Amino acid sequence: MKRILVINPNTSIHVTEMVVASCRLAHPGTQWDGATARLGAAYISSESAYAVAAHAALDAYAEHFAGHDAVLIACFGDPGLLALRELATVPVVGLAQASFEAAQQRGPFAVVTGGKAWGPMLERFARTHQLDARLVGVHTVDLTGAQIAQAPERAHGVLFDACALGLQAGAGCIVLGGAALAGMAATLQPRLAIPLLDNVLLGAQAVVDAALRPPSALAPSDAARSAVKGLSAALTRLLV
């Protein structure tokens, strides 16, 4: 049985549990282990929180990576993705990259997520990873992912309205992004005329596929080795 480490780069244990439960339901033949950030924000909703979350993701990987066949970053924005790939000896998959890649295969797509700050952040993410060619828009709602998770039924209306904007922009499918929104795509799908994709399910499928591929002899990059100060003992061991 393959073991996958799910790293939640924010400090909300509830979000970690939601993502892990969704992954276990979708792929019961895989062992899913959750790791929650020990530092940073309870919800990532700014550039500064995103920067800290990248550190938190590296820290969690250093503490918990042993024995796992792949890593899933459980944040729709993938903080620390490239840095983790530099350090890790197993495949590393992020919710956003996996979702954008899956959606663009269907044609023009839009993204709907919680938290206004995520609009420009995700647009930049798409450009950086060259996943913006078929992206017709990122539509956010005022409610954050954390607020949506606390009372999902109250968010249905505003999320549907945001999805309608994506449809009007010419999207052939919409990614419902956000770790805390796991499972909500299935609830909203009957109201939409185009596919609404669950970012957690897309990420889970991508990381399972990555774990099942033959090992590619990944090794930490020598470029990552340098003198460090003030980091956790586990992360220090990886970096020096």
C-alpha atoms as a PDB file:
ATOM      1  CA  MET A   1       0.000   0.000   0.000  1.00  0.00           C
ATOM      2  CA  LYS A   2       1.315   3.430  -0.960  1.00  0.00           C
ATOM      3  CA  ARG A   3       1.639   6.043   1.786  1.00  0.00           C
ATOM      4  CA  ILE A   4       0.978   9.681   0.993  1.00  0.00           C
ATOM      5  CA  LEU A   5       1.769  12.613   3.264  1.00  0.00           C
ATOM      6  CA  VAL A   6      -0.829  15.395   3.125  1.00  0.00           C
ATOM      7  CA  ILE A   7       0.756  18.650   4.285  1.00  0.00           C
ATOM      8  CA  ASN A   8      -1.603  21.434   5.322  1.00  0.00           C
ATOM      9  CA  PRO A   9       0.492  24.642   5.307  1.00  0.00           C
ATOM     10  CA  ASN A  10      -1.972  26.457   7.566  1.00  0.00           C
ATOM     11  CA  THR A  11      -2.484  25.730  11.237  1.00  0.00           C
ATOM     12  CA  SER A  12      -6.105  24.571  11.056  1.00  0.00           C
ATOM     13  CA  ILE A  13      -6.281  20.913  12.075  1.00  0.00           C
ATOM     14  CA  HIS A  14      -9.903  20.848  10.920  1.00  0.00           C
ATOM     15  CA  VAL A  15      -8.842  21.605   7.342  1.00  0.00           C
ATOM     16  CA  THR A  16      -6.229  18.849   7.480  1.00  0.00           C
ATOM     17  CA  GLU A  17      -8.864  16.388   8.659  1.00  0.00           C
ATOM     18  CA  MET A  18     -11.293  17.455   5.921  1.00  0.00           C
ATOM     19  CA  VAL A  19      -8.732  16.941   3.160  1.00  0.00           C
ATOM     20  CA  VAL A  20      -7.487  13.625   4.506  1.00  0.00           C
ATOM     21  CA  ALA A  21     -11.056  12.333   4.900  1.00  0.00           C
ATOM     22  CA  SER A  22     -11.882  13.308   1.315  1.00  0.00           C
ATOM     23  CA  CYS A  23      -8.730  11.616   0.011  1.00  0.00           C
ATOM     24  CA  ARG A  24      -9.406   8.439   1.997  1.00  0.00           C
ATOM     25  CA  LEU A  25     -12.953   8.261   0.684  1.00  0.00           C
ATOM     26  CA  ALA A  26     -11.797   8.674  -2.918  1.00  0.00           C
ATOM     27  CA  HIS A  27      -8.787   6.335  -2.658  1.00  0.00           C
ATOM     28  CA  PRO A  28      -9.307   3.823   0.162  1.00  0.00           C
ATOM     29  CA  GLY A  29      -6.473   1.622  -1.111  1.00  0.00           C
ATOM     30  CA  THR A  30      -3.925   4.291  -0.193  1.00  0.00           C
ATOM     31  CA  GLN A  31      -2.700   5.263   3.272  1.00  0.00           C
ATOM     32  CA  TRP A  32      -3.203   8.994   3.850  1.00  0.00           C
ATOM     33  CA  ASP A  33      -1.335  10.700   6.683  1.00  0.00           C
ATOM     34  CA  GLY A  34      -2.006  14.329   7.560  1.00  0.00           C
ATOM     35  CA  ALA A  35       0.505  16.868   8.859  1.00  0.00           C
ATOM     36  CA  THR A  36      -0.618  20.321   9.989  1.00  0.00           C
ATOM     37  CA  ALA A  37       1.682  23.354  10.016  1.00  0.00           C
ATOM     38  CA  ARG A  38       3.087  24.117  13.436  1.00  0.00           C
ATOM     39  CA  LEU A  39       3.561  27.803  12.579  1.00  0.00           C
ATOM     40  CA  GLY A  40       1.796  30.435  10.537  1.00  0.00           C
ATOM     41  CA  ALA A  41      -1.774  31.467   9.825  1.00  0.00           C
ATOM     42  CA  ALA A  42      -4.952  29.536  10.538  1.00  0.00           C
ATOM     43  CA  TYR A  43      -6.059  30.548   7.044  1.00  0.00           C
ATOM     44  CA  ILE A  44      -3.783  31.762   4.241  1.00  0.00           C
ATOM     45  CA  SER A  45      -5.296  34.972   2.924  1.00  0.00           C
ATOM     46  CA  SER A  46      -2.392  37.294   2.116  1.00  0.00           C
ATOM     47  CA  GLU A  47       1.032  37.362   0.497  1.00  0.00           C
ATOM     48  CA  SER A  48       2.712  37.422   3.905  1.00  0.00           C
ATOM     49  CA  ALA A  49       0.719  34.430   5.169  1.00  0.00           C
ATOM     50  CA  TYR A  50       1.545  32.619   1.920  1.00  0.00           C
ATOM     51  CA  ALA A  51       5.263  33.262   2.406  1.00  0.00           C
ATOM     52  CA  VAL A  52       5.154  31.901   5.960  1.00  0.00           C
ATOM     53  CA  ALA A  53       3.135  28.901   4.731  1.00  0.00           C
ATOM     54  CA  ALA A  54       5.957  27.911   2.385  1.00  0.00           C
ATOM     55  CA  HIS A  55       8.289  27.714   5.389  1.00  0.00           C
ATOM     56  CA  ALA A  56       5.634  25.769   7.290  1.00  0.00           C
ATOM     57  CA  ALA A  57       5.294  23.271   4.444  1.00  0.00           C
ATOM     58  CA  LEU A  58       9.045  22.663   4.373  1.00  0.00           C
ATOM     59  CA  ASP A  59       9.073  22.310   8.145  1.00  0.00           C
ATOM     60  CA  ALA A  60       6.228  19.750   8.089  1.00  0.00           C
ATOM     61  CA  TYR A  61       7.890  17.775   5.321  1.00  0.00           C
ATOM     62  CA  ALA A  62      11.165  17.607   7.245  1.00  0.00           C
ATOM     63  CA  GLU A  63       9.342  16.345  10.331  1.00  0.00           C
ATOM     64  CA  HIS A  64       7.064  13.773   8.709  1.00  0.00           C
ATOM     65  CA  PHE A  65       8.379  12.674   5.285  1.00  0.00           C
ATOM     66  CA  ALA A  66       9.969   9.379   6.361  1.00  0.00           C
ATOM     67  CA  GLY A  67       8.254   6.324   4.898  1.00  0.00           C
ATOM     68  CA  HIS A  68       6.010   8.143   2.441  1.00  0.00           C
ATOM     69  CA  ASP A  69       5.823   7.601  -1.309  1.00  0.00           C
ATOM     70  CA  ALA A  70       4.549  11.062  -2.298  1.00  0.00           C
ATOM     71  CA  VAL A  71       3.469  14.404  -0.841  1.00  0.00           C
ATOM     72  CA  LEU A  72       0.296  16.433  -1.404  1.00  0.00           C
ATOM     73  CA  ILE A  73       0.334  20.128  -0.473  1.00  0.00           C
ATOM     74  CA  ALA A  74      -3.175  20.741   0.838  1.00  0.00           C
ATOM     75  CA  CYS A  75      -3.500  24.420  -0.038  1.00  0.00           C
ATOM     76  CA  PHE A  76      -4.973  25.779  -3.260  1.00  0.00           C
ATOM     77  CA  GLY A  77      -1.992  27.939  -4.088  1.00  0.00           C
ATOM     78  CA  ASP A  78       0.739  25.388  -3.359  1.00  0.00           C
ATOM     79  CA  PRO A  79       3.039  27.359  -1.023  1.00  0.00           C
ATOM     80  CA  GLY A  80       6.500  25.843  -0.994  1.00  0.00           C
ATOM     81  CA  LEU A  81       5.843  23.633  -4.038  1.00  0.00           C
ATOM     82  CA  LEU A  82       9.087  24.270  -5.912  1.00  0.00           C
ATOM     83  CA  ALA A  83      11.165  24.319  -2.732  1.00  0.00           C
ATOM     84  CA  LEU A  84       9.716  20.993  -1.625  1.00  0.00           C
ATOM     85  CA  ARG A  85      10.431  19.492  -5.016  1.00  0.00           C
ATOM     86  CA  GLU A  86      14.013  20.661  -4.620  1.00  0.00           C
ATOM     87  CA  LEU A  87      14.341  18.914  -1.259  1.00  0.00           C
ATOM     88  CA  ALA A  88      12.126  15.862  -1.595  1.00  0.00           C
ATOM     89  CA  THR A  89      13.161  12.399  -2.696  1.00  0.00           C
ATOM     90  CA  VAL A  90       9.531  11.557  -3.616  1.00  0.00           C
ATOM     91  CA  PRO A  91       7.002  13.263  -5.937  1.00  0.00           C
ATOM     92  CA  VAL A  92       5.380  16.444  -4.608  1.00  0.00           C
ATOM     93  CA  VAL A  93       1.949  17.515  -5.897  1.00  0.00           C
ATOM     94  CA  GLY A  94       0.045  20.720  -5.151  1.00  0.00           C
ATOM     95  CA  LEU A  95      -3.726  21.173  -5.240  1.00  0.00           C
ATOM     96  CA  ALA A  96      -3.567  24.198  -7.532  1.00  0.00           C
ATOM     97  CA  GLN A  97      -1.127  22.856 -10.090  1.00  0.00           C
ATOM     98  CA  ALA A  98      -2.899  19.503 -10.270  1.00  0.00           C
ATOM     99  CA  SER A  99      -6.280  21.222 -10.669  1.00  0.00           C
ATOM    100  CA  PHE A 100      -5.141  23.687 -13.319  1.00  0.00           C
ATOM    101  CA  GLU A 101      -3.481  20.902 -15.311  1.00  0.00           C
ATOM    102  CA  ALA A 102      -6.572  18.687 -15.171  1.00  0.00           C
ATOM    103  CA  ALA A 103      -8.950  21.543 -16.007  1.00  0.00           C
ATOM    104  CA  GLN A 104      -7.015  22.845 -19.011  1.00  0.00           C
ATOM    105  CA  GLN A 105      -7.196  19.422 -20.619  1.00  0.00           C
ATOM    106  CA  ARG A 106     -10.950  19.976 -20.856  1.00  0.00           C
ATOM    107  CA  GLY A 107     -10.587  23.332 -22.608  1.00  0.00           C
ATOM    108  CA  PRO A 108     -11.268  26.872 -21.331  1.00  0.00           C
ATOM    109  CA  PHE A 109     -11.743  26.883 -17.561  1.00  0.00           C
ATOM    110  CA  ALA A 110     -12.342  29.232 -14.659  1.00  0.00           C
ATOM    111  CA  VAL A 111     -11.496  29.078 -10.979  1.00  0.00           C
ATOM    112  CA  VAL A 112     -13.795  29.939  -8.072  1.00  0.00           C
ATOM    113  CA  THR A 113     -12.432  30.229  -4.557  1.00  0.00           C
ATOM    114  CA  GLY A 114     -12.858  32.020  -1.237  1.00  0.00           C
ATOM    115  CA  GLY A 115     -10.955  35.131  -0.176  1.00  0.00           C
ATOM    116  CA  LYS A 116     -10.486  38.244  -2.317  1.00  0.00           C
ATOM    117  CA  ALA A 117      -6.690  38.214  -2.024  1.00  0.00           C
ATOM    118  CA  TRP A 118      -6.508  34.901  -3.838  1.00  0.00           C
ATOM    119  CA  GLY A 119      -7.610  36.431  -7.148  1.00  0.00           C
ATOM    120  CA  PRO A 120      -4.301  38.067  -8.133  1.00  0.00           C
ATOM    121  CA  MET A 121      -2.288  35.435  -6.261  1.00  0.00           C
ATOM    122  CA  LEU A 122      -3.773  32.590  -8.297  1.00  0.00           C
ATOM    123  CA  GLU A 123      -3.512  34.524 -11.544  1.00  0.00           C
ATOM    124  CA  ARG A 124       0.198  34.970 -10.848  1.00  0.00           C
ATOM    125  CA  PHE A 125       0.479  31.287  -9.948  1.00  0.00           C
ATOM    126  CA  ALA A 126      -1.047  30.313 -13.291  1.00  0.00           C
ATOM    127  CA  ARG A 127       1.359  32.560 -15.212  1.00  0.00           C
ATOM    128  CA  THR A 128       4.377  31.340 -13.253  1.00  0.00           C
ATOM    129  CA  HIS A 129       3.593  27.694 -13.983  1.00  0.00           C
ATOM    130  CA  GLN A 130       2.470  28.388 -17.566  1.00  0.00           C
ATOM    131  CA  LEU A 131      -1.053  27.206 -16.818  1.00  0.00           C
ATOM    132  CA  ASP A 132      -2.889  30.346 -17.903  1.00  0.00           C
ATOM    133  CA  ALA A 133      -3.362  29.710 -21.639  1.00  0.00           C
ATOM    134  CA  ARG A 134      -6.911  28.385 -21.168  1.00  0.00           C
ATOM    135  CA  LEU A 135      -7.749  30.169 -17.921  1.00  0.00           C
ATOM    136  CA  VAL A 136     -10.629  32.581 -18.562  1.00  0.00           C
ATOM    137  CA  GLY A 137     -10.826  33.981 -15.046  1.00  0.00           C
ATOM    138  CA  VAL A 138     -10.334  33.590 -11.302  1.00  0.00           C
ATOM    139  CA  HIS A 139     -13.500  34.545  -9.416  1.00  0.00           C
ATOM    140  CA  THR A 140     -13.409  35.008  -5.655  1.00  0.00           C
ATOM    141  CA  VAL A 141     -16.029  35.542  -2.985  1.00  0.00           C
ATOM    142  CA  ASP A 142     -15.669  37.713   0.107  1.00  0.00           C
ATOM    143  CA  LEU A 143     -15.970  34.728   2.435  1.00  0.00           C
ATOM    144  CA  THR A 144     -12.667  33.038   3.187  1.00  0.00           C
ATOM    145  CA  GLY A 145     -12.212  29.295   2.904  1.00  0.00           C
ATOM    146  CA  ALA A 146     -12.247  29.074   6.689  1.00  0.00           C
ATOM    147  CA  GLN A 147     -15.570  30.900   6.878  1.00  0.00           C
ATOM    148  CA  ILE A 148     -17.043  28.712   4.155  1.00  0.00           C
ATOM    149  CA  ALA A 149     -15.950  25.571   5.978  1.00  0.00           C
ATOM    150  CA  GLN A 150     -17.589  26.784   9.202  1.00  0.00           C
ATOM    151  CA  ALA A 151     -20.990  27.302   7.541  1.00  0.00           C
ATOM    152  CA  PRO A 152     -20.929  25.824   4.022  1.00  0.00           C
ATOM    153  CA  GLU A 153     -24.677  26.113   3.442  1.00  0.00           C
ATOM    154  CA  ARG A 154     -24.473  29.911   3.817  1.00  0.00           C
ATOM    155  CA  ALA A 155     -21.849  30.069   1.069  1.00  0.00           C
ATOM    156  CA  HIS A 156     -23.747  28.153  -1.615  1.00  0.00           C
ATOM    157  CA  GLY A 157     -25.408  31.230  -3.092  1.00  0.00           C
ATOM    158  CA  VAL A 158     -22.286  33.382  -3.447  1.00  0.00           C
ATOM    159  CA  LEU A 159     -20.241  30.475  -4.765  1.00  0.00           C
ATOM    160  CA  PHE A 160     -22.894  29.731  -7.371  1.00  0.00           C
ATOM    161  CA  ASP A 161     -22.921  33.384  -8.427  1.00  0.00           C
ATOM    162  CA  ALA A 162     -19.139  33.288  -8.846  1.00  0.00           C
ATOM    163  CA  CYS A 163     -19.442  30.114 -10.906  1.00  0.00           C
ATOM    164  CA  ALA A 164     -21.989  31.879 -13.107  1.00  0.00           C
ATOM    165  CA  LEU A 165     -19.365  34.532 -13.856  1.00  0.00           C
ATOM    166  CA  GLY A 166     -17.006  31.816 -15.018  1.00  0.00           C
ATOM    167  CA  LEU A 167     -19.684  30.369 -17.254  1.00  0.00           C
ATOM    168  CA  GLN A 168     -20.363  33.809 -18.747  1.00  0.00           C
ATOM    169  CA  ALA A 169     -16.637  34.210 -19.441  1.00  0.00           C
ATOM    170  CA  GLY A 170     -16.696  31.104 -21.618  1.00  0.00           C
ATOM    171  CA  ALA A 171     -15.465  28.424 -19.251  1.00  0.00           C
ATOM    172  CA  GLY A 172     -16.211  24.837 -20.200  1.00  0.00           C
ATOM    173  CA  CYS A 173     -15.535  23.737 -16.632  1.00  0.00           C
ATOM    174  CA  ILE A 174     -14.850  25.384 -13.291  1.00  0.00           C
ATOM    175  CA  VAL A 175     -12.407  24.421 -10.559  1.00  0.00           C
ATOM    176  CA  LEU A 176     -13.797  24.969  -7.064  1.00  0.00           C
ATOM    177  CA  GLY A 177     -10.551  25.735  -5.278  1.00  0.00           C
ATOM    178  CA  GLY A 178      -9.610  25.646  -1.621  1.00  0.00           C
ATOM    179  CA  ALA A 179      -8.705  22.849   0.741  1.00  0.00           C
ATOM    180  CA  ALA A 180     -11.542  23.888   3.043  1.00  0.00           C
ATOM    181  CA  LEU A 181     -14.017  23.532   0.156  1.00  0.00           C
ATOM    182  CA  ALA A 182     -13.421  19.793  -0.191  1.00  0.00           C
ATOM    183  CA  GLY A 183     -16.657  18.043  -1.160  1.00  0.00           C
ATOM    184  CA  MET A 184     -18.626  21.195  -1.992  1.00  0.00           C
ATOM    185  CA  ALA A 185     -18.363  20.773  -5.767  1.00  0.00           C
ATOM    186  CA  ALA A 186     -20.694  17.763  -5.633  1.00  0.00           C
ATOM    187  CA  THR A 187     -23.272  19.825  -3.710  1.00  0.00           C
ATOM    188  CA  LEU A 188     -23.267  22.715  -6.185  1.00  0.00           C
ATOM    189  CA  GLN A 189     -22.940  20.655  -9.380  1.00  0.00           C
ATOM    190  CA  PRO A 190     -26.700  20.085  -9.931  1.00  0.00           C
ATOM    191  CA  ARG A 191     -27.183  23.854 -10.278  1.00  0.00           C
ATOM    192  CA  LEU A 192     -24.553  24.233 -13.003  1.00  0.00           C
ATOM    193  CA  ALA A 193     -24.633  23.340 -16.693  1.00  0.00           C
ATOM    194  CA  ILE A 194     -20.881  22.664 -16.891  1.00  0.00           C
ATOM    195  CA  PRO A 195     -18.603  20.405 -14.817  1.00  0.00           C
ATOM    196  CA  LEU A 196     -17.586  21.747 -11.403  1.00  0.00           C
ATOM    197  CA  LEU A 197     -14.297  20.170 -10.389  1.00  0.00           C
ATOM    198  CA  ASP A 198     -13.258  19.453  -6.797  1.00  0.00           C
ATOM    199  CA  ASN A 199      -9.652  20.580  -6.299  1.00  0.00           C
ATOM    200  CA  VAL A 200      -9.021  18.081  -3.507  1.00  0.00           C
ATOM    201  CA  LEU A 201     -10.183  15.144  -5.611  1.00  0.00           C
ATOM    202  CA  LEU A 202      -8.033  16.327  -8.515  1.00  0.00           C
ATOM    203  CA  GLY A 203      -5.023  16.678  -6.225  1.00  0.00           C
ATOM    204  CA  ALA A 204      -5.644  13.273  -4.666  1.00  0.00           C
ATOM    205  CA  GLN A 205      -5.801  11.592  -8.064  1.00  0.00           C
ATOM    206  CA  ALA A 206      -2.644  13.339  -9.252  1.00  0.00           C
ATOM    207  CA  VAL A 207      -0.612  12.393  -6.186  1.00  0.00           C
ATOM    208  CA  VAL A 208      -1.821   8.774  -6.279  1.00  0.00           C
ATOM    209  CA  ASP A 209      -0.777   8.587  -9.930  1.00  0.00           C
ATOM    210  CA  ALA A 210       2.603  10.085  -9.052  1.00  0.00           C
ATOM    211  CA  ALA A 211       3.127   7.620  -6.202  1.00  0.00           C
ATOM    212  CA  LEU A 212       2.353   4.656  -8.469  1.00  0.00           C
ATOM    213  CA  ARG A 213       4.882   5.601 -11.151  1.00  0.00           C
ATOM    214  CA  PRO A 214       8.272   3.875 -11.084  1.00  0.00           C
ATOM    215  CA  PRO A 215      10.727   5.721  -8.825  1.00  0.00           C
ATOM    216  CA  SER A 216      12.770   8.309 -10.687  1.00  0.00           C
ATOM    217  CA  ALA A 217      15.678   8.366  -8.246  1.00  0.00           C
ATOM    218  CA  LEU A 218      14.848  11.847  -7.040  1.00  0.00           C
ATOM    219  CA  ALA A 219      17.502  13.321  -4.776  1.00  0.00           C
ATOM    220  CA  PRO A 220      17.739  16.579  -2.894  1.00  0.00           C
ATOM    221  CA  SER A 221      19.469  19.332  -4.840  1.00  0.00           C
ATOM    222  CA  ASP A 222      22.970  20.291  -3.744  1.00  0.00           C
ATOM    223  CA  ALA A 223      21.930  23.884  -4.358  1.00  0.00           C
ATOM    224  CA  ALA A 224      19.708  23.675  -1.296  1.00  0.00           C
ATOM    225  CA  ARG A 225      22.656  23.013   1.024  1.00  0.00           C
ATOM    226  CA  SER A 226      23.753  26.047   2.974  1.00  0.00           C
ATOM    227  CA  ALA A 227      24.347  27.295   6.493  1.00  0.00           C
ATOM    228  CA  VAL A 228      21.089  28.028   8.296  1.00  0.00           C
ATOM    229  CA  LYS A 229      20.063  29.434  11.670  1.00  0.00           C
ATOM    230  CA  GLY A 230      16.929  29.327  13.797  1.00  0.00           C
ATOM    231  CA  LEU A 231      15.085  26.568  11.919  1.00  0.00           C
ATOM    232  CA  SER A 232      13.674  23.375  13.398  1.00  0.00           C
ATOM    233  CA  ALA A 233      16.161  20.575  13.951  1.00  0.00           C
ATOM    234  CA  ALA A 234      14.481  18.408  11.317  1.00  0.00           C
ATOM    235  CA  LEU A 235      14.520  21.139   8.648  1.00  0.00           C
ATOM    236  CA  THR A 236      18.097  22.061   9.518  1.00  0.00           C
ATOM    237  CA  ARG A 237      19.169  18.466   8.861  1.00  0.00           C
ATOM    238  CA  LEU A 238      17.674  18.672   5.368  1.00  0.00           C
ATOM    239  CA  LEU A 239      19.290  21.973   4.510  1.00  0.00           C
ATOM    240  CA  VAL A 240      22.861  21.527   5.725  1.00  0.00           C
END
